[in-house]
């Protein structure tokens, strides 16, 4: 997102998405689905993103909500989260990998796609660097 709009997850729900921003998000998801990003994903995640993209992002309903100013980045994220929770719950158990871990990983990848970041680890490193700058004596 443009830095002037959504600078922190805490304010995402206040940031309304414009038609141009929706198109940018669609383009980012399409690029991911076409294998044009460096984000590594298994078939289950690819299928979840494909479904989210086709059924939700491209829907007339989303276009109408954006047109009316009633759609935020957080709304989009919450829809994806609900969508994948059902899918992850139906996946077979994987030794040593909890379903909560899978959900967290998928949400991190979603966030990276949504923001146009190539690798979710870069986002994590940036967040870690930012939090380490705030130390004792900071406001």
Foldseek 3Di string as FASTA:
>chain_A
DPCVFDVDPVCQQVGFAAPVLLVVLLVLLVCVLVVNFQEDDDPLLSVLSVCCSVVPSPDPVVVVCNVVRNDTPVNSLVVSLVSVVVVLVPDDDDPPADSVNVSVVSSLSSVCSSVVHRYSVVVVVVVVVVVVVDDPPHD
